[in-house]
Amino acid sequence: QLTLQAIRAALLTACGAAPAIEIARDWDD
């Protein structure tokens, strides 16, 4: 989530919009 939050924040800054973050337990290791 910390990695993804940084990606979303950068997309918001650069593009003015970004999709909401979805948490999916099946993508856990």
mmCIF file of all heavy atoms, coordinates in Angstrom:
data_MODEL
# 
_entry.id   MODEL 
# 
loop_
_atom_site.group_PDB 
_atom_site.id 
_atom_site.type_symbol 
_atom_site.label_atom_id 
_atom_site.label_alt_id 
_atom_site.label_comp_id 
_atom_site.label_asym_id 
_atom_site.label_entity_id 
_atom_site.label_seq_id 
_atom_site.pdbx_PDB_ins_code 
_atom_site.Cartn_x 
_atom_site.Cartn_y 
_atom_site.Cartn_z 
_atom_site.occupancy 
_atom_site.B_iso_or_equiv 
_atom_site.pdbx_formal_charge 
_atom_site.auth_seq_id 
_atom_site.auth_comp_id 
_atom_site.auth_asym_id 
_atom_site.auth_atom_id 
_atom_site.pdbx_PDB_model_num 
ATOM 1   N N   . GLN A 1 1  ? 0.814   -1.215  0.000   1.00 0.00 ? 1  GLN A N   1 
ATOM 2   C CA  . GLN A 1 1  ? 0.000   0.000   0.000   1.00 0.00 ? 1  GLN A CA  1 
ATOM 3   C C   . GLN A 1 1  ? 0.849   1.268   0.000   1.00 0.00 ? 1  GLN A C   1 
ATOM 4   O O   . GLN A 1 1  ? 0.502   2.246   -0.663  1.00 0.00 ? 1  GLN A O   1 
ATOM 5   C CB  . GLN A 1 1  ? -0.947  -0.025  1.196   1.00 0.00 ? 1  GLN A CB  1 
ATOM 6   C CG  . GLN A 1 1  ? -1.956  -1.176  1.102   1.00 0.00 ? 1  GLN A CG  1 
ATOM 7   C CD  . GLN A 1 1  ? -2.792  -1.338  2.351   1.00 0.00 ? 1  GLN A CD  1 
ATOM 8   O OE1 . GLN A 1 1  ? -3.150  -0.365  2.998   1.00 0.00 ? 1  GLN A OE1 1 
ATOM 9   N NE2 . GLN A 1 1  ? -3.099  -2.575  2.709   1.00 0.00 ? 1  GLN A NE2 1 
ATOM 10  N N   . LEU A 1 2  ? 1.966   1.265   0.721   1.00 0.00 ? 2  LEU A N   1 
ATOM 11  C CA  . LEU A 1 2  ? 2.840   2.440   0.717   1.00 0.00 ? 2  LEU A CA  1 
ATOM 12  C C   . LEU A 1 2  ? 3.420   2.684   -0.680  1.00 0.00 ? 2  LEU A C   1 
ATOM 13  O O   . LEU A 1 2  ? 3.522   3.830   -1.134  1.00 0.00 ? 2  LEU A O   1 
ATOM 14  C CB  . LEU A 1 2  ? 3.960   2.263   1.738   1.00 0.00 ? 2  LEU A CB  1 
ATOM 15  C CG  . LEU A 1 2  ? 3.539   2.352   3.203   1.00 0.00 ? 2  LEU A CG  1 
ATOM 16  C CD1 . LEU A 1 2  ? 4.707   1.959   4.108   1.00 0.00 ? 2  LEU A CD1 1 
ATOM 17  C CD2 . LEU A 1 2  ? 3.039   3.744   3.554   1.00 0.00 ? 2  LEU A CD2 1 
ATOM 18  N N   . THR A 1 3  ? 3.797   1.615   -1.351  1.00 0.00 ? 3  THR A N   1 
ATOM 19  C CA  . THR A 1 3  ? 4.312   1.748   -2.717  1.00 0.00 ? 3  THR A CA  1 
ATOM 20  C C   . THR A 1 3  ? 3.233   2.282   -3.646  1.00 0.00 ? 3  THR A C   1 
ATOM 21  O O   . THR A 1 3  ? 3.470   3.193   -4.452  1.00 0.00 ? 3  THR A O   1 
ATOM 22  C CB  . THR A 1 3  ? 4.835   0.388   -3.220  1.00 0.00 ? 3  THR A CB  1 
ATOM 23  O OG1 . THR A 1 3  ? 5.819   -0.123  -2.303  1.00 0.00 ? 3  THR A OG1 1 
ATOM 24  C CG2 . THR A 1 3  ? 5.457   0.518   -4.601  1.00 0.00 ? 3  THR A CG2 1 
ATOM 25  N N   . LEU A 1 4  ? 2.036   1.745   -3.519  1.00 0.00 ? 4  LEU A N   1 
ATOM 26  C CA  . LEU A 1 4  ? 0.944   2.156   -4.398  1.00 0.00 ? 4  LEU A CA  1 
ATOM 27  C C   . LEU A 1 4  ? 0.467   3.575   -4.096  1.00 0.00 ? 4  LEU A C   1 
ATOM 28  O O   . LEU A 1 4  ? 0.104   4.335   -5.006  1.00 0.00 ? 4  LEU A O   1 
ATOM 29  C CB  . LEU A 1 4  ? -0.205  1.161   -4.279  1.00 0.00 ? 4  LEU A CB  1 
ATOM 30  C CG  . LEU A 1 4  ? -1.303  1.211   -5.350  1.00 0.00 ? 4  LEU A CG  1 
ATOM 31  C CD1 . LEU A 1 4  ? -0.702  1.109   -6.746  1.00 0.00 ? 4  LEU A CD1 1 
ATOM 32  C CD2 . LEU A 1 4  ? -2.306  0.092   -5.130  1.00 0.00 ? 4  LEU A CD2 1 
ATOM 33  N N   . GLN A 1 5  ? 0.461   3.952   -2.842  1.00 0.00 ? 5  GLN A N   1 
ATOM 34  C CA  . GLN A 1 5  ? 0.064   5.321   -2.479  1.00 0.00 ? 5  GLN A CA  1 
ATOM 35  C C   . GLN A 1 5  ? 0.989   6.355   -3.120  1.00 0.00 ? 5  GLN A C   1 
ATOM 36  O O   . GLN A 1 5  ? 0.532   7.408   -3.583  1.00 0.00 ? 5  GLN A O   1 
ATOM 37  C CB  . GLN A 1 5  ? 0.056   5.479   -0.965  1.00 0.00 ? 5  GLN A CB  1 
ATOM 38  C CG  . GLN A 1 5  ? -1.115  4.787   -0.284  1.00 0.00 ? 5  GLN A CG  1 
ATOM 39  C CD  . GLN A 1 5  ? -0.932  4.652   1.218   1.00 0.00 ? 5  GLN A CD  1 
ATOM 40  O OE1 . GLN A 1 5  ? -0.004  5.229   1.804   1.00 0.00 ? 5  GLN A OE1 1 
ATOM 41  N NE2 . GLN A 1 5  ? -1.799  3.891   1.857   1.00 0.00 ? 5  GLN A NE2 1 
ATOM 42  N N   . ALA A 1 6  ? 2.272   6.062   -3.166  1.00 0.00 ? 6  ALA A N   1 
ATOM 43  C CA  . ALA A 1 6  ? 3.214   6.984   -3.806  1.00 0.00 ? 6  ALA A CA  1 
ATOM 44  C C   . ALA A 1 6  ? 2.944   7.084   -5.304  1.00 0.00 ? 6  ALA A C   1 
ATOM 45  O O   . ALA A 1 6  ? 3.023   8.171   -5.894  1.00 0.00 ? 6  ALA A O   1 
ATOM 46  C CB  . ALA A 1 6  ? 4.644   6.531   -3.551  1.00 0.00 ? 6  ALA A CB  1 
ATOM 47  N N   . ILE A 1 7  ? 2.617   5.965   -5.929  1.00 0.00 ? 7  ILE A N   1 
ATOM 48  C CA  . ILE A 1 7  ? 2.291   5.976   -7.359  1.00 0.00 ? 7  ILE A CA  1 
ATOM 49  C C   . ILE A 1 7  ? 1.052   6.826   -7.610  1.00 0.00 ? 7  ILE A C   1 
ATOM 50  O O   . ILE A 1 7  ? 1.029   7.671   -8.513  1.00 0.00 ? 7  ILE A O   1 
ATOM 51  C CB  . ILE A 1 7  ? 2.077   4.533   -7.868  1.00 0.00 ? 7  ILE A CB  1 
ATOM 52  C CG1 . ILE A 1 7  ? 3.392   3.752   -7.831  1.00 0.00 ? 7  ILE A CG1 1 
ATOM 53  C CG2 . ILE A 1 7  ? 1.479   4.534   -9.276  1.00 0.00 ? 7  ILE A CG2 1 
ATOM 54  C CD1 . ILE A 1 7  ? 3.228   2.268   -8.085  1.00 0.00 ? 7  ILE A CD1 1 
ATOM 55  N N   . ARG A 1 8  ? 0.031   6.629   -6.813  1.00 0.00 ? 8  ARG A N   1 
ATOM 56  C CA  . ARG A 1 8  ? -1.211  7.390   -7.012  1.00 0.00 ? 8  ARG A CA  1 
ATOM 57  C C   . ARG A 1 8  ? -0.976  8.888   -6.798  1.00 0.00 ? 8  ARG A C   1 
ATOM 58  O O   . ARG A 1 8  ? -1.485  9.718   -7.558  1.00 0.00 ? 8  ARG A O   1 
ATOM 59  C CB  . ARG A 1 8  ? -2.308  6.892   -6.079  1.00 0.00 ? 8  ARG A CB  1 
ATOM 60  C CG  . ARG A 1 8  ? -3.648  7.585   -6.324  1.00 0.00 ? 8  ARG A CG  1 
ATOM 61  C CD  . ARG A 1 8  ? -4.776  6.985   -5.504  1.00 0.00 ? 8  ARG A CD  1 
ATOM 62  N NE  . ARG A 1 8  ? -6.049  7.550   -5.939  1.00 0.00 ? 8  ARG A NE  1 
ATOM 63  C CZ  . ARG A 1 8  ? -6.567  8.674   -5.443  1.00 0.00 ? 8  ARG A CZ  1 
ATOM 64  N NH1 . ARG A 1 8  ? -5.904  9.355   -4.499  1.00 0.00 ? 8  ARG A NH1 1 
ATOM 65  N NH2 . ARG A 1 8  ? -7.722  9.131   -5.891  1.00 0.00 ? 8  ARG A NH2 1 
ATOM 66  N N   . ALA A 1 9  ? -0.215  9.244   -5.760  1.00 0.00 ? 9  ALA A N   1 
ATOM 67  C CA  . ALA A 1 9  ? 0.049   10.663  -5.500  1.00 0.00 ? 9  ALA A CA  1 
ATOM 68  C C   . ALA A 1 9  ? 0.787   11.302  -6.666  1.00 0.00 ? 9  ALA A C   1 
ATOM 69  O O   . ALA A 1 9  ? 0.490   12.438  -7.061  1.00 0.00 ? 9  ALA A O   1 
ATOM 70  C CB  . ALA A 1 9  ? 0.851   10.803  -4.207  1.00 0.00 ? 9  ALA A CB  1 
ATOM 71  N N   . ALA A 1 10 ? 1.747   10.587  -7.249  1.00 0.00 ? 10 ALA A N   1 
ATOM 72  C CA  . ALA A 1 10 ? 2.489   11.130  -8.389  1.00 0.00 ? 10 ALA A CA  1 
ATOM 73  C C   . ALA A 1 10 ? 1.592   11.272  -9.609  1.00 0.00 ? 10 ALA A C   1 
ATOM 74  O O   . ALA A 1 10 ? 1.692   12.252  -10.363 1.00 0.00 ? 10 ALA A O   1 
ATOM 75  C CB  . ALA A 1 10 ? 3.683   10.230  -8.703  1.00 0.00 ? 10 ALA A CB  1 
ATOM 76  N N   . LEU A 1 11 ? 0.699   10.312  -9.833  1.00 0.00 ? 11 LEU A N   1 
ATOM 77  C CA  . LEU A 1 11 ? -0.242  10.413  -10.951 1.00 0.00 ? 11 LEU A CA  1 
ATOM 78  C C   . LEU A 1 11 ? -1.185  11.602  -10.766 1.00 0.00 ? 11 LEU A C   1 
ATOM 79  O O   . LEU A 1 11 ? -1.486  12.324  -11.723 1.00 0.00 ? 11 LEU A O   1 
ATOM 80  C CB  . LEU A 1 11 ? -1.051  9.121   -11.079 1.00 0.00 ? 11 LEU A CB  1 
ATOM 81  C CG  . LEU A 1 11 ? -0.317  7.900   -11.639 1.00 0.00 ? 11 LEU A CG  1 
ATOM 82  C CD1 . LEU A 1 11 ? -1.161  6.643   -11.469 1.00 0.00 ? 11 LEU A CD1 1 
ATOM 83  C CD2 . LEU A 1 11 ? 0.036   8.107   -13.113 1.00 0.00 ? 11 LEU A CD2 1 
ATOM 84  N N   . LEU A 1 12 ? -1.636  11.819  -9.549  1.00 0.00 ? 12 LEU A N   1 
ATOM 85  C CA  . LEU A 1 12 ? -2.511  12.953  -9.272  1.00 0.00 ? 12 LEU A CA  1 
ATOM 86  C C   . LEU A 1 12 ? -1.810  14.271  -9.576  1.00 0.00 ? 12 LEU A C   1 
ATOM 87  O O   . LEU A 1 12 ? -2.383  15.181  -10.185 1.00 0.00 ? 12 LEU A O   1 
ATOM 88  C CB  . LEU A 1 12 ? -2.958  12.925  -7.808  1.00 0.00 ? 12 LEU A CB  1 
ATOM 89  C CG  . LEU A 1 12 ? -4.163  12.051  -7.470  1.00 0.00 ? 12 LEU A CG  1 
ATOM 90  C CD1 . LEU A 1 12 ? -4.343  11.974  -5.958  1.00 0.00 ? 12 LEU A CD1 1 
ATOM 91  C CD2 . LEU A 1 12 ? -5.420  12.576  -8.138  1.00 0.00 ? 12 LEU A CD2 1 
ATOM 92  N N   . THR A 1 13 ? -0.553  14.361  -9.152  1.00 0.00 ? 13 THR A N   1 
ATOM 93  C CA  . THR A 1 13 ? 0.199   15.588  -9.375  1.00 0.00 ? 13 THR A CA  1 
ATOM 94  C C   . THR A 1 13 ? 0.456   15.828  -10.858 1.00 0.00 ? 13 THR A C   1 
ATOM 95  O O   . THR A 1 13 ? 0.304   16.944  -11.363 1.00 0.00 ? 13 THR A O   1 
ATOM 96  C CB  . THR A 1 13 ? 1.535   15.537  -8.622  1.00 0.00 ? 13 THR A CB  1 
ATOM 97  O OG1 . THR A 1 13 ? 1.271   15.408  -7.221  1.00 0.00 ? 13 THR A OG1 1 
ATOM 98  C CG2 . THR A 1 13 ? 2.360   16.786  -8.862  1.00 0.00 ? 13 THR A CG2 1 
ATOM 99  N N   . ALA A 1 14 ? 0.830   14.776  -11.568 1.00 0.00 ? 14 ALA A N   1 
ATOM 100 C CA  . ALA A 1 14 ? 1.195   14.923  -12.981 1.00 0.00 ? 14 ALA A CA  1 
ATOM 101 C C   . ALA A 1 14 ? -0.010  15.030  -13.905 1.00 0.00 ? 14 ALA A C   1 
ATOM 102 O O   . ALA A 1 14 ? 0.041   15.736  -14.916 1.00 0.00 ? 14 ALA A O   1 
ATOM 103 C CB  . ALA A 1 14 ? 2.073   13.750  -13.406 1.00 0.00 ? 14 ALA A CB  1 
ATOM 104 N N   . CYS A 1 15 ? -1.089  14.335  -13.565 1.00 0.00 ? 15 CYS A N   1 
ATOM 105 C CA  . CYS A 1 15 ? -2.218  14.214  -14.500 1.00 0.00 ? 15 CYS A CA  1 
ATOM 106 C C   . CYS A 1 15 ? -3.494  14.880  -13.994 1.00 0.00 ? 15 CYS A C   1 
ATOM 107 O O   . CYS A 1 15 ? -4.452  15.035  -14.771 1.00 0.00 ? 15 CYS A O   1 
ATOM 108 C CB  . CYS A 1 15 ? -2.512  12.743  -14.765 1.00 0.00 ? 15 CYS A CB  1 
ATOM 109 S SG  . CYS A 1 15 ? -1.084  11.771  -15.268 1.00 0.00 ? 15 CYS A SG  1 
ATOM 110 N N   . GLY A 1 16 ? -3.531  15.206  -12.729 1.00 0.00 ? 16 GLY A N   1 
ATOM 111 C CA  . GLY A 1 16 ? -4.725  15.817  -12.169 1.00 0.00 ? 16 GLY A CA  1 
ATOM 112 C C   . GLY A 1 16 ? -5.801  14.832  -11.779 1.00 0.00 ? 16 GLY A C   1 
ATOM 113 O O   . GLY A 1 16 ? -6.842  15.213  -11.231 1.00 0.00 ? 16 GLY A O   1 
ATOM 114 N N   . ALA A 1 17 ? -5.594  13.553  -12.041 1.00 0.00 ? 17 ALA A N   1 
ATOM 115 C CA  . ALA A 1 17 ? -6.583  12.528  -11.700 1.00 0.00 ? 17 ALA A CA  1 
ATOM 116 C C   . ALA A 1 17 ? -5.872  11.175  -11.587 1.00 0.00 ? 17 ALA A C   1 
ATOM 117 O O   . ALA A 1 17 ? -4.834  10.948  -12.224 1.00 0.00 ? 17 ALA A O   1 
ATOM 118 C CB  . ALA A 1 17 ? -7.680  12.450  -12.748 1.00 0.00 ? 17 ALA A CB  1 
ATOM 119 N N   . ALA A 1 18 ? -6.455  10.296  -10.782 1.00 0.00 ? 18 ALA A N   1 
ATOM 120 C CA  . ALA A 1 18 ? -5.940  8.934   -10.635 1.00 0.00 ? 18 ALA A CA  1 
ATOM 121 C C   . ALA A 1 18 ? -7.046  8.089   -10.025 1.00 0.00 ? 18 ALA A C   1 
ATOM 122 O O   . ALA A 1 18 ? -7.834  8.584   -9.208  1.00 0.00 ? 18 ALA A O   1 
ATOM 123 C CB  . ALA A 1 18 ? -4.695  8.901   -9.750  1.00 0.00 ? 18 ALA A CB  1 
ATOM 124 N N   . PRO A 1 19 ? -7.144  6.833   -10.411 1.00 0.00 ? 19 PRO A N   1 
ATOM 125 C CA  . PRO A 1 19 ? -8.186  5.981   -9.819  1.00 0.00 ? 19 PRO A CA  1 
ATOM 126 C C   . PRO A 1 19 ? -7.926  5.732   -8.340  1.00 0.00 ? 19 PRO A C   1 
ATOM 127 O O   . PRO A 1 19 ? -6.791  5.835   -7.859  1.00 0.00 ? 19 PRO A O   1 
ATOM 128 C CB  . PRO A 1 19 ? -8.078  4.680   -10.630 1.00 0.00 ? 19 PRO A CB  1 
ATOM 129 C CG  . PRO A 1 19 ? -6.710  4.697   -11.215 1.00 0.00 ? 19 PRO A CG  1 
ATOM 130 C CD  . PRO A 1 19 ? -6.342  6.123   -11.424 1.00 0.00 ? 19 PRO A CD  1 
ATOM 131 N N   . ALA A 1 20 ? -8.988  5.418   -7.628  1.00 0.00 ? 20 ALA A N   1 
ATOM 132 C CA  . ALA A 1 20 ? -8.855  5.064   -6.216  1.00 0.00 ? 20 ALA A CA  1 
ATOM 133 C C   . ALA A 1 20 ? -8.093  3.752   -6.079  1.00 0.00 ? 20 ALA A C   1 
ATOM 134 O O   . ALA A 1 20 ? -8.108  2.903   -6.976  1.00 0.00 ? 20 ALA A O   1 
ATOM 135 C CB  . ALA A 1 20 ? -10.239 4.936   -5.584  1.00 0.00 ? 20 ALA A CB  1 
ATOM 136 N N   . ILE A 1 21 ? -7.434  3.594   -4.957  1.00 0.00 ? 21 ILE A N   1 
ATOM 137 C CA  . ILE A 1 21 ? -6.689  2.361   -4.682  1.00 0.00 ? 21 ILE A CA  1 
ATOM 138 C C   . ILE A 1 21 ? -7.653  1.272   -4.229  1.00 0.00 ? 21 ILE A C   1 
ATOM 139 O O   . ILE A 1 21 ? -8.503  1.490   -3.368  1.00 0.00 ? 21 ILE A O   1 
ATOM 140 C CB  . ILE A 1 21 ? -5.620  2.606   -3.611  1.00 0.00 ? 21 ILE A CB  1 
ATOM 141 C CG1 . ILE A 1 21 ? -4.496  3.494   -4.180  1.00 0.00 ? 21 ILE A CG1 1 
ATOM 142 C CG2 . ILE A 1 21 ? -5.048  1.282   -3.090  1.00 0.00 ? 21 ILE A CG2 1 
ATOM 143 C CD1 . ILE A 1 21 ? -3.469  3.901   -3.153  1.00 0.00 ? 21 ILE A CD1 1 
ATOM 144 N N   . GLU A 1 22 ? -7.523  0.107   -4.831  1.00 0.00 ? 22 GLU A N   1 
ATOM 145 C CA  . GLU A 1 22 ? -8.295  -1.069  -4.436  1.00 0.00 ? 22 GLU A CA  1 
ATOM 146 C C   . GLU A 1 22 ? -7.363  -2.048  -3.719  1.00 0.00 ? 22 GLU A C   1 
ATOM 147 O O   . GLU A 1 22 ? -6.260  -2.322  -4.202  1.00 0.00 ? 22 GLU A O   1 
ATOM 148 C CB  . GLU A 1 22 ? -8.890  -1.761  -5.653  1.00 0.00 ? 22 GLU A CB  1 
ATOM 149 C CG  . GLU A 1 22 ? -9.717  -0.865  -6.563  1.00 0.00 ? 22 GLU A CG  1 
ATOM 150 C CD  . GLU A 1 22 ? -10.065 -1.568  -7.863  1.00 0.00 ? 22 GLU A CD  1 
ATOM 151 O OE1 . GLU A 1 22 ? -10.465 -2.751  -7.815  1.00 0.00 ? 22 GLU A OE1 1 
ATOM 152 O OE2 . GLU A 1 22 ? -9.909  -0.944  -8.936  1.00 0.00 ? 22 GLU A OE2 1 
ATOM 153 N N   . ILE A 1 23 ? -7.792  -2.558  -2.584  1.00 0.00 ? 23 ILE A N   1 
ATOM 154 C CA  . ILE A 1 23 ? -7.018  -3.561  -1.853  1.00 0.00 ? 23 ILE A CA  1 
ATOM 155 C C   . ILE A 1 23 ? -7.628  -4.935  -2.132  1.00 0.00 ? 23 ILE A C   1 
ATOM 156 O O   . ILE A 1 23 ? -8.814  -5.157  -1.886  1.00 0.00 ? 23 ILE A O   1 
ATOM 157 C CB  . ILE A 1 23 ? -7.015  -3.285  -0.342  1.00 0.00 ? 23 ILE A CB  1 
ATOM 158 C CG1 . ILE A 1 23 ? -6.492  -1.875  -0.065  1.00 0.00 ? 23 ILE A CG1 1 
ATOM 159 C CG2 . ILE A 1 23 ? -6.171  -4.333  0.377   1.00 0.00 ? 23 ILE A CG2 1 
ATOM 160 C CD1 . ILE A 1 23 ? -5.104  -1.597  -0.591  1.00 0.00 ? 23 ILE A CD1 1 
ATOM 161 N N   . ALA A 1 24 ? -6.817  -5.828  -2.667  1.00 0.00 ? 24 ALA A N   1 
ATOM 162 C CA  . ALA A 1 24 ? -7.286  -7.165  -3.043  1.00 0.00 ? 24 ALA A CA  1 
ATOM 163 C C   . ALA A 1 24 ? -6.461  -8.212  -2.299  1.00 0.00 ? 24 ALA A C   1 
ATOM 164 O O   . ALA A 1 24 ? -5.262  -8.357  -2.557  1.00 0.00 ? 24 ALA A O   1 
ATOM 165 C CB  . ALA A 1 24 ? -7.173  -7.368  -4.550  1.00 0.00 ? 24 ALA A CB  1 
ATOM 166 N N   . ARG A 1 25 ? -7.105  -8.937  -1.409  1.00 0.00 ? 25 ARG A N   1 
ATOM 167 C CA  . ARG A 1 25 ? -6.375  -9.913  -0.597  1.00 0.00 ? 25 ARG A CA  1 
ATOM 168 C C   . ARG A 1 25 ? -5.793  -11.058 -1.413  1.00 0.00 ? 25 ARG A C   1 
ATOM 169 O O   . ARG A 1 25 ? -4.802  -11.670 -1.005  1.00 0.00 ? 25 ARG A O   1 
ATOM 170 C CB  . ARG A 1 25 ? -7.278  -10.448 0.522   1.00 0.00 ? 25 ARG A CB  1 
ATOM 171 C CG  . ARG A 1 25 ? -7.637  -9.390  1.545   1.00 0.00 ? 25 ARG A CG  1 
ATOM 172 C CD  . ARG A 1 25 ? -8.133  -9.981  2.863   1.00 0.00 ? 25 ARG A CD  1 
ATOM 173 N NE  . ARG A 1 25 ? -8.175  -8.946  3.886   1.00 0.00 ? 25 ARG A NE  1 
ATOM 174 C CZ  . ARG A 1 25 ? -7.141  -8.583  4.633   1.00 0.00 ? 25 ARG A CZ  1 
ATOM 175 N NH1 . ARG A 1 25 ? -5.974  -9.199  4.467   1.00 0.00 ? 25 ARG A NH1 1 
ATOM 176 N NH2 . ARG A 1 25 ? -7.246  -7.643  5.535   1.00 0.00 ? 25 ARG A NH2 1 
ATOM 177 N N   . ASP A 1 26 ? -6.392  -11.350 -2.546  1.00 0.00 ? 26 ASP A N   1 
ATOM 178 C CA  . ASP A 1 26 ? -5.842  -12.435 -3.369  1.00 0.00 ? 26 ASP A CA  1 
ATOM 179 C C   . ASP A 1 26 ? -4.473  -12.078 -3.934  1.00 0.00 ? 26 ASP A C   1 
ATOM 180 O O   . ASP A 1 26 ? -3.731  -12.974 -4.364  1.00 0.00 ? 26 ASP A O   1 
ATOM 181 C CB  . ASP A 1 26 ? -6.802  -12.779 -4.506  1.00 0.00 ? 26 ASP A CB  1 
ATOM 182 C CG  . ASP A 1 26 ? -7.902  -13.740 -4.065  1.00 0.00 ? 26 ASP A CG  1 
ATOM 183 O OD1 . ASP A 1 26 ? -7.805  -14.279 -2.949  1.00 0.00 ? 26 ASP A OD1 1 
ATOM 184 O OD2 . ASP A 1 26 ? -8.864  -13.943 -4.837  1.00 0.00 ? 26 ASP A OD2 1 
ATOM 185 N N   . TRP A 1 27 ? -4.114  -10.790 -3.959  1.00 0.00 ? 27 TRP A N   1 
ATOM 186 C CA  . TRP A 1 27 ? -2.793  -10.386 -4.432  1.00 0.00 ? 27 TRP A CA  1 
ATOM 187 C C   . TRP A 1 27 ? -1.759  -10.357 -3.309  1.00 0.00 ? 27 TRP A C   1 
ATOM 188 O O   . TRP A 1 27 ? -0.650  -9.864  -3.496  1.00 0.00 ? 27 TRP A O   1 
ATOM 189 C CB  . TRP A 1 27 ? -2.857  -9.025  -5.125  1.00 0.00 ? 27 TRP A CB  1 
ATOM 190 C CG  . TRP A 1 27 ? -3.405  -9.114  -6.511  1.00 0.00 ? 27 TRP A CG  1 
ATOM 191 C CD1 . TRP A 1 27 ? -4.612  -8.699  -6.967  1.00 0.00 ? 27 TRP A CD1 1 
ATOM 192 C CD2 . TRP A 1 27 ? -2.736  -9.702  -7.648  1.00 0.00 ? 27 TRP A CD2 1 
ATOM 193 N NE1 . TRP A 1 27 ? -4.754  -8.977  -8.305  1.00 0.00 ? 27 TRP A NE1 1 
ATOM 194 C CE2 . TRP A 1 27 ? -3.613  -9.591  -8.752  1.00 0.00 ? 27 TRP A CE2 1 
ATOM 195 C CE3 . TRP A 1 27 ? -1.487  -10.299 -7.827  1.00 0.00 ? 27 TRP A CE3 1 
ATOM 196 C CZ2 . TRP A 1 27 ? -3.284  -10.065 -10.022 1.00 0.00 ? 27 TRP A CZ2 1 
ATOM 197 C CZ3 . TRP A 1 27 ? -1.161  -10.770 -9.101  1.00 0.00 ? 27 TRP A CZ3 1 
ATOM 198 C CH2 . TRP A 1 27 ? -2.048  -10.648 -10.174 1.00 0.00 ? 27 TRP A CH2 1 
ATOM 199 N N   . ASP A 1 28 ? -2.095  -10.905 -2.160  1.00 0.00 ? 28 ASP A N   1 
ATOM 200 C CA  . ASP A 1 28 ? -1.128  -11.019 -1.079  1.00 0.00 ? 28 ASP A CA  1 
ATOM 201 C C   . ASP A 1 28 ? -0.099  -12.095 -1.421  1.00 0.00 ? 28 ASP A C   1 
ATOM 202 O O   . ASP A 1 28 ? -0.382  -13.032 -2.171  1.00 0.00 ? 28 ASP A O   1 
ATOM 203 C CB  . ASP A 1 28 ? -1.844  -11.398 0.217   1.00 0.00 ? 28 ASP A CB  1 
ATOM 204 C CG  . ASP A 1 28 ? -1.008  -11.169 1.460   1.00 0.00 ? 28 ASP A CG  1 
ATOM 205 O OD1 . ASP A 1 28 ? 0.108   -10.602 1.342   1.00 0.00 ? 28 ASP A OD1 1 
ATOM 206 O OD2 . ASP A 1 28 ? -1.467  -11.534 2.548   1.00 0.00 ? 28 ASP A OD2 1 
ATOM 207 N N   . ASP A 1 29 ? 1.080   -11.947 -0.849  1.00 0.00 ? 29 ASP A N   1 
ATOM 208 C CA  . ASP A 1 29 ? 2.077   -13.011 -0.941  1.00 0.00 ? 29 ASP A CA  1 
ATOM 209 C C   . ASP A 1 29 ? 1.981   -13.837 0.329   1.00 0.00 ? 29 ASP A C   1 
ATOM 210 O O   . ASP A 1 29 ? 1.195   -13.531 1.234   1.00 0.00 ? 29 ASP A O   1 
ATOM 211 C CB  . ASP A 1 29 ? 3.474   -12.399 -1.090  1.00 0.00 ? 29 ASP A CB  1 
ATOM 212 C CG  . ASP A 1 29 ? 4.426   -13.313 -1.860  1.00 0.00 ? 29 ASP A CG  1 
ATOM 213 O OD1 . ASP A 1 29 ? 4.072   -14.483 -2.099  1.00 0.00 ? 29 ASP A OD1 1 
ATOM 214 O OD2 . ASP A 1 29 ? 5.519   -12.859 -2.238  1.00 0.00 ? 29 ASP A OD2 1 
# 
